[in-house]
PDB file of all heavy atoms in Angstrom:
ATOM      1  N   ALA A   1       4.389  10.313  -0.222  1.00  0.00           N
ATOM      2  CA  ALA A   1       4.546   8.858  -0.174  1.00  0.00           C
ATOM      3  C   ALA A   1       3.419   8.212   0.621  1.00  0.00           C
ATOM      4  O   ALA A   1       2.776   7.259   0.159  1.00  0.00           O
ATOM      5  CB  ALA A   1       5.904   8.503   0.436  1.00  0.00           C
ATOM      6  N   TYR A   2       3.170   8.717   1.804  1.00  0.00           N
ATOM      7  CA  TYR A   2       2.154   8.104   2.670  1.00  0.00           C
ATOM      8  C   TYR A   2       0.741   8.353   2.155  1.00  0.00           C
ATOM      9  O   TYR A   2      -0.109   7.441   2.162  1.00  0.00           O
ATOM     10  CB  TYR A   2       2.298   8.631   4.102  1.00  0.00           C
ATOM     11  CG  TYR A   2       3.330   7.896   4.901  1.00  0.00           C
ATOM     12  CD1 TYR A   2       4.614   8.417   5.062  1.00  0.00           C
ATOM     13  CD2 TYR A   2       3.035   6.676   5.495  1.00  0.00           C
ATOM     14  CE1 TYR A   2       5.573   7.736   5.811  1.00  0.00           C
ATOM     15  CE2 TYR A   2       3.989   5.985   6.232  1.00  0.00           C
ATOM     16  CZ  TYR A   2       5.256   6.525   6.388  1.00  0.00           C
ATOM     17  OH  TYR A   2       6.199   5.835   7.108  1.00  0.00           O
ATOM     18  N   LEU A   3       0.453   9.572   1.706  1.00  0.00           N
ATOM     19  CA  LEU A   3      -0.901   9.873   1.253  1.00  0.00           C
ATOM     20  C   LEU A   3      -1.238   9.103  -0.023  1.00  0.00           C
ATOM     21  O   LEU A   3      -2.328   8.505  -0.136  1.00  0.00           O
ATOM     22  CB  LEU A   3      -1.062  11.376   1.027  1.00  0.00           C
ATOM     23  CG  LEU A   3      -2.454  11.843   0.583  1.00  0.00           C
ATOM     24  CD1 LEU A   3      -3.536  11.346   1.533  1.00  0.00           C
ATOM     25  CD2 LEU A   3      -2.490  13.362   0.457  1.00  0.00           C
ATOM     26  N   SER A   4      -0.333   9.092  -0.986  1.00  0.00           N
ATOM     27  CA  SER A   4      -0.603   8.361  -2.229  1.00  0.00           C
ATOM     28  C   SER A   4      -0.719   6.861  -1.963  1.00  0.00           C
ATOM     29  O   SER A   4      -1.551   6.169  -2.573  1.00  0.00           O
ATOM     30  CB  SER A   4       0.500   8.633  -3.262  1.00  0.00           C
ATOM     31  OG  SER A   4       1.752   8.129  -2.824  1.00  0.00           O
ATOM     32  N   SER A   5       0.089   6.344  -1.040  1.00  0.00           N
ATOM     33  CA  SER A   5       0.012   4.923  -0.696  1.00  0.00           C
ATOM     34  C   SER A   5      -1.325   4.594  -0.043  1.00  0.00           C
ATOM     35  O   SER A   5      -1.945   3.561  -0.346  1.00  0.00           O
ATOM     36  CB  SER A   5       1.158   4.549   0.245  1.00  0.00           C
ATOM     37  OG  SER A   5       2.410   4.730  -0.383  1.00  0.00           O
ATOM     38  N   TYR A   6      -1.778   5.445   0.847  1.00  0.00           N
ATOM     39  CA  TYR A   6      -3.076   5.221   1.493  1.00  0.00           C
ATOM     40  C   TYR A   6      -4.201   5.242   0.458  1.00  0.00           C
ATOM     41  O   TYR A   6      -5.109   4.404   0.495  1.00  0.00           O
ATOM     42  CB  TYR A   6      -3.306   6.288   2.554  1.00  0.00           C
ATOM     43  CG  TYR A   6      -4.624   6.133   3.280  1.00  0.00           C
ATOM     44  CD1 TYR A   6      -4.759   5.248   4.349  1.00  0.00           C
ATOM     45  CD2 TYR A   6      -5.750   6.858   2.889  1.00  0.00           C
ATOM     46  CE1 TYR A   6      -5.967   5.090   5.006  1.00  0.00           C
ATOM     47  CE2 TYR A   6      -6.964   6.707   3.539  1.00  0.00           C
ATOM     48  CZ  TYR A   6      -7.063   5.819   4.601  1.00  0.00           C
ATOM     49  OH  TYR A   6      -8.270   5.663   5.247  1.00  0.00           O
ATOM     50  N   LEU A   7      -4.132   6.186  -0.472  1.00  0.00           N
ATOM     51  CA  LEU A   7      -5.186   6.306  -1.478  1.00  0.00           C
ATOM     52  C   LEU A   7      -5.230   5.090  -2.401  1.00  0.00           C
ATOM     53  O   LEU A   7      -6.304   4.623  -2.781  1.00  0.00           O
ATOM     54  CB  LEU A   7      -4.974   7.581  -2.297  1.00  0.00           C
ATOM     55  CG  LEU A   7      -5.184   8.906  -1.551  1.00  0.00           C
ATOM     56  CD1 LEU A   7      -4.801  10.081  -2.435  1.00  0.00           C
ATOM     57  CD2 LEU A   7      -6.622   9.049  -1.072  1.00  0.00           C
ATOM     58  N   THR A   8      -4.062   4.571  -2.761  1.00  0.00           N
ATOM     59  CA  THR A   8      -4.042   3.422  -3.686  1.00  0.00           C
ATOM     60  C   THR A   8      -4.319   2.103  -2.983  1.00  0.00           C
ATOM     61  O   THR A   8      -4.995   1.229  -3.537  1.00  0.00           O
ATOM     62  CB  THR A   8      -2.690   3.341  -4.413  1.00  0.00           C
ATOM     63  OG1 THR A   8      -1.625   3.256  -3.447  1.00  0.00           O
ATOM     64  CG2 THR A   8      -2.466   4.557  -5.303  1.00  0.00           C
ATOM     65  N   VAL A   9      -3.824   1.946  -1.760  1.00  0.00           N
ATOM     66  CA  VAL A   9      -3.973   0.668  -1.056  1.00  0.00           C
ATOM     67  C   VAL A   9      -5.321   0.576  -0.343  1.00  0.00           C
ATOM     68  O   VAL A   9      -6.045  -0.415  -0.486  1.00  0.00           O
ATOM     69  CB  VAL A   9      -2.818   0.467  -0.047  1.00  0.00           C
ATOM     70  CG1 VAL A   9      -3.045  -0.798   0.780  1.00  0.00           C
ATOM     71  CG2 VAL A   9      -1.484   0.387  -0.773  1.00  0.00           C
ATOM     72  N   GLU A  10      -5.659   1.585   0.423  1.00  0.00           N
ATOM     73  CA  GLU A  10      -6.867   1.527   1.246  1.00  0.00           C
ATOM     74  C   GLU A  10      -8.132   1.927   0.492  1.00  0.00           C
ATOM     75  O   GLU A  10      -9.207   1.384   0.747  1.00  0.00           O
ATOM     76  CB  GLU A  10      -6.693   2.429   2.480  1.00  0.00           C
ATOM     77  CG  GLU A  10      -5.520   2.044   3.369  1.00  0.00           C
ATOM     78  CD  GLU A  10      -5.705   0.681   4.016  1.00  0.00           C
ATOM     79  OE1 GLU A  10      -6.857   0.226   4.146  1.00  0.00           O
ATOM     80  OE2 GLU A  10      -4.689   0.067   4.400  1.00  0.00           O
ATOM     81  N   LEU A  11      -8.016   2.884  -0.429  1.00  0.00           N
ATOM     82  CA  LEU A  11      -9.200   3.374  -1.141  1.00  0.00           C
ATOM     83  C   LEU A  11      -9.281   2.877  -2.578  1.00  0.00           C
ATOM     84  O   LEU A  11     -10.269   3.136  -3.267  1.00  0.00           O
ATOM     85  CB  LEU A  11      -9.228   4.905  -1.122  1.00  0.00           C
ATOM     86  CG  LEU A  11      -9.238   5.563   0.270  1.00  0.00           C
ATOM     87  CD1 LEU A  11      -9.349   7.070   0.138  1.00  0.00           C
ATOM     88  CD2 LEU A  11     -10.368   5.016   1.134  1.00  0.00           C
ATOM     89  N   GLY A  12      -8.244   2.203  -3.057  1.00  0.00           N
ATOM     90  CA  GLY A  12      -8.259   1.646  -4.403  1.00  0.00           C
ATOM     91  C   GLY A  12      -8.196   2.670  -5.517  1.00  0.00           C
ATOM     92  O   GLY A  12      -8.584   2.386  -6.655  1.00  0.00           O
ATOM     93  N   MET A  13      -7.684   3.845  -5.239  1.00  0.00           N
ATOM     94  CA  MET A  13      -7.580   4.890  -6.261  1.00  0.00           C
ATOM     95  C   MET A  13      -6.422   4.586  -7.208  1.00  0.00           C
ATOM     96  O   MET A  13      -5.359   4.133  -6.768  1.00  0.00           O
ATOM     97  CB  MET A  13      -7.365   6.258  -5.596  1.00  0.00           C
ATOM     98  CG  MET A  13      -7.295   7.424  -6.568  1.00  0.00           C
ATOM     99  SD  MET A  13      -6.998   9.013  -5.750  1.00  0.00           S
ATOM    100  CE  MET A  13      -8.547   9.244  -4.870  1.00  0.00           C
ATOM    101  N   PRO A  14      -6.571   4.833  -8.508  1.00  0.00           N
ATOM    102  CA  PRO A  14      -5.444   4.677  -9.434  1.00  0.00           C
ATOM    103  C   PRO A  14      -4.287   5.593  -9.039  1.00  0.00           C
ATOM    104  O   PRO A  14      -4.502   6.651  -8.435  1.00  0.00           O
ATOM    105  CB  PRO A  14      -6.039   5.071 -10.788  1.00  0.00           C
ATOM    106  CG  PRO A  14      -7.503   4.847 -10.629  1.00  0.00           C
ATOM    107  CD  PRO A  14      -7.826   5.177  -9.207  1.00  0.00           C
ATOM    108  N   LEU A  15      -3.078   5.193  -9.392  1.00  0.00           N
ATOM    109  CA  LEU A  15      -1.899   5.907  -8.910  1.00  0.00           C
ATOM    110  C   LEU A  15      -1.822   7.342  -9.423  1.00  0.00           C
ATOM    111  O   LEU A  15      -1.504   8.258  -8.644  1.00  0.00           O
ATOM    112  CB  LEU A  15      -0.630   5.148  -9.313  1.00  0.00           C
ATOM    113  CG  LEU A  15       0.692   5.807  -8.901  1.00  0.00           C
ATOM    114  CD1 LEU A  15       0.730   6.084  -7.404  1.00  0.00           C
ATOM    115  CD2 LEU A  15       1.871   4.936  -9.314  1.00  0.00           C
ATOM    116  N   THR A  16      -2.093   7.566 -10.701  1.00  0.00           N
ATOM    117  CA  THR A  16      -1.931   8.923 -11.244  1.00  0.00           C
ATOM    118  C   THR A  16      -2.800   9.946 -10.523  1.00  0.00           C
ATOM    119  O   THR A  16      -2.280  10.982 -10.070  1.00  0.00           O
ATOM    120  CB  THR A  16      -2.215   8.934 -12.757  1.00  0.00           C
ATOM    121  OG1 THR A  16      -1.277   8.075 -13.419  1.00  0.00           O
ATOM    122  CG2 THR A  16      -2.084  10.346 -13.324  1.00  0.00           C
ATOM    123  N   PRO A  17      -4.106   9.736 -10.366  1.00  0.00           N
ATOM    124  CA  PRO A  17      -4.884  10.708  -9.587  1.00  0.00           C
ATOM    125  C   PRO A  17      -4.454  10.767  -8.126  1.00  0.00           C
ATOM    126  O   PRO A  17      -4.539  11.829  -7.493  1.00  0.00           O
ATOM    127  CB  PRO A  17      -6.327  10.223  -9.721  1.00  0.00           C
ATOM    128  CG  PRO A  17      -6.240   8.829 -10.211  1.00  0.00           C
ATOM    129  CD  PRO A  17      -4.977   8.715 -10.980  1.00  0.00           C
ATOM    130  N   ALA A  18      -3.970   9.646  -7.575  1.00  0.00           N
ATOM    131  CA  ALA A  18      -3.489   9.658  -6.188  1.00  0.00           C
ATOM    132  C   ALA A  18      -2.266  10.570  -6.054  1.00  0.00           C
ATOM    133  O   ALA A  18      -2.132  11.297  -5.057  1.00  0.00           O
ATOM    134  CB  ALA A  18      -3.139   8.235  -5.745  1.00  0.00           C
ATOM    135  N   LEU A  19      -1.380  10.543  -7.055  1.00  0.00           N
ATOM    136  CA  LEU A  19      -0.217  11.433  -7.035  1.00  0.00           C
ATOM    137  C   LEU A  19      -0.639  12.892  -7.140  1.00  0.00           C
ATOM    138  O   LEU A  19      -0.072  13.767  -6.465  1.00  0.00           O
ATOM    139  CB  LEU A  19       0.730  11.079  -8.183  1.00  0.00           C
ATOM    140  CG  LEU A  19       1.514   9.770  -8.063  1.00  0.00           C
ATOM    141  CD1 LEU A  19       2.319   9.517  -9.329  1.00  0.00           C
ATOM    142  CD2 LEU A  19       2.440   9.796  -6.848  1.00  0.00           C
ATOM    143  N   ILE A  20      -1.637  13.159  -7.967  1.00  0.00           N
ATOM    144  CA  ILE A  20      -2.113  14.537  -8.126  1.00  0.00           C
ATOM    145  C   ILE A  20      -2.721  15.048  -6.827  1.00  0.00           C
ATOM    146  O   ILE A  20      -2.449  16.178  -6.391  1.00  0.00           O
ATOM    147  CB  ILE A  20      -3.128  14.619  -9.283  1.00  0.00           C
ATOM    148  CG1 ILE A  20      -2.431  14.295 -10.611  1.00  0.00           C
ATOM    149  CG2 ILE A  20      -3.780  15.999  -9.334  1.00  0.00           C
ATOM    150  CD1 ILE A  20      -3.375  14.173 -11.783  1.00  0.00           C
ATOM    151  N   VAL A  21      -3.548  14.224  -6.183  1.00  0.00           N
ATOM    152  CA  VAL A  21      -4.154  14.610  -4.898  1.00  0.00           C
ATOM    153  C   VAL A  21      -3.063  14.843  -3.854  1.00  0.00           C
ATOM    154  O   VAL A  21      -3.110  15.825  -3.094  1.00  0.00           O
ATOM    155  CB  VAL A  21      -5.131  13.521  -4.417  1.00  0.00           C
ATOM    156  CG1 VAL A  21      -5.595  13.809  -2.986  1.00  0.00           C
ATOM    157  CG2 VAL A  21      -6.340  13.440  -5.338  1.00  0.00           C
ATOM    158  N   SER A  22      -2.080  13.967  -3.821  1.00  0.00           N
ATOM    159  CA  SER A  22      -0.981  14.099  -2.861  1.00  0.00           C
ATOM    160  C   SER A  22      -0.183  15.378  -3.115  1.00  0.00           C
ATOM    161  O   SER A  22       0.220  16.069  -2.164  1.00  0.00           O
ATOM    162  CB  SER A  22      -0.056  12.888  -2.945  1.00  0.00           C
ATOM    163  OG  SER A  22      -0.758  11.696  -2.693  1.00  0.00           O
ATOM    164  N   ALA A  23       0.043  15.685  -4.386  1.00  0.00           N
ATOM    165  CA  ALA A  23       0.789  16.901  -4.730  1.00  0.00           C
ATOM    166  C   ALA A  23       0.021  18.149  -4.297  1.00  0.00           C
ATOM    167  O   ALA A  23       0.608  19.103  -3.765  1.00  0.00           O
ATOM    168  CB  ALA A  23       1.058  16.938  -6.229  1.00  0.00           C
ATOM    169  N   ILE A  24      -1.292  18.146  -4.502  1.00  0.00           N
ATOM    170  CA  ILE A  24      -2.106  19.295  -4.098  1.00  0.00           C
ATOM    171  C   ILE A  24      -2.073  19.459  -2.578  1.00  0.00           C
ATOM    172  O   ILE A  24      -1.904  20.578  -2.063  1.00  0.00           O
ATOM    173  CB  ILE A  24      -3.554  19.124  -4.600  1.00  0.00           C
ATOM    174  CG1 ILE A  24      -3.590  19.203  -6.132  1.00  0.00           C
ATOM    175  CG2 ILE A  24      -4.473  20.199  -3.997  1.00  0.00           C
ATOM    176  CD1 ILE A  24      -4.940  18.858  -6.727  1.00  0.00           C
ATOM    177  N   ALA A  25      -2.235  18.341  -1.859  1.00  0.00           N
ATOM    178  CA  ALA A  25      -2.220  18.399  -0.395  1.00  0.00           C
ATOM    179  C   ALA A  25      -0.875  18.909   0.119  1.00  0.00           C
ATOM    180  O   ALA A  25      -0.819  19.783   1.001  1.00  0.00           O
ATOM    181  CB  ALA A  25      -2.518  17.015   0.176  1.00  0.00           C
ATOM    182  N   ALA A  26       0.216  18.378  -0.424  1.00  0.00           N
ATOM    183  CA  ALA A  26       1.546  18.817  -0.002  1.00  0.00           C
ATOM    184  C   ALA A  26       1.787  20.270  -0.388  1.00  0.00           C
ATOM    185  O   ALA A  26       2.425  21.026   0.358  1.00  0.00           O
ATOM    186  CB  ALA A  26       2.618  17.924  -0.619  1.00  0.00           C
ATOM    187  N   GLY A  27       1.263  20.683  -1.550  1.00  0.00           N
ATOM    188  CA  GLY A  27       1.408  22.069  -1.970  1.00  0.00           C
ATOM    189  C   GLY A  27       0.721  23.028  -1.011  1.00  0.00           C
ATOM    190  O   GLY A  27       1.256  24.099  -0.687  1.00  0.00           O
TER     191      GLY A  27
END
């Protein structure tokens, strides 16, 4: 939740790649 939100709000990343990055980090 926090990582994907930071990526989309602060870095302007689209949500789908932000979710993938967050999933990899959490994994």
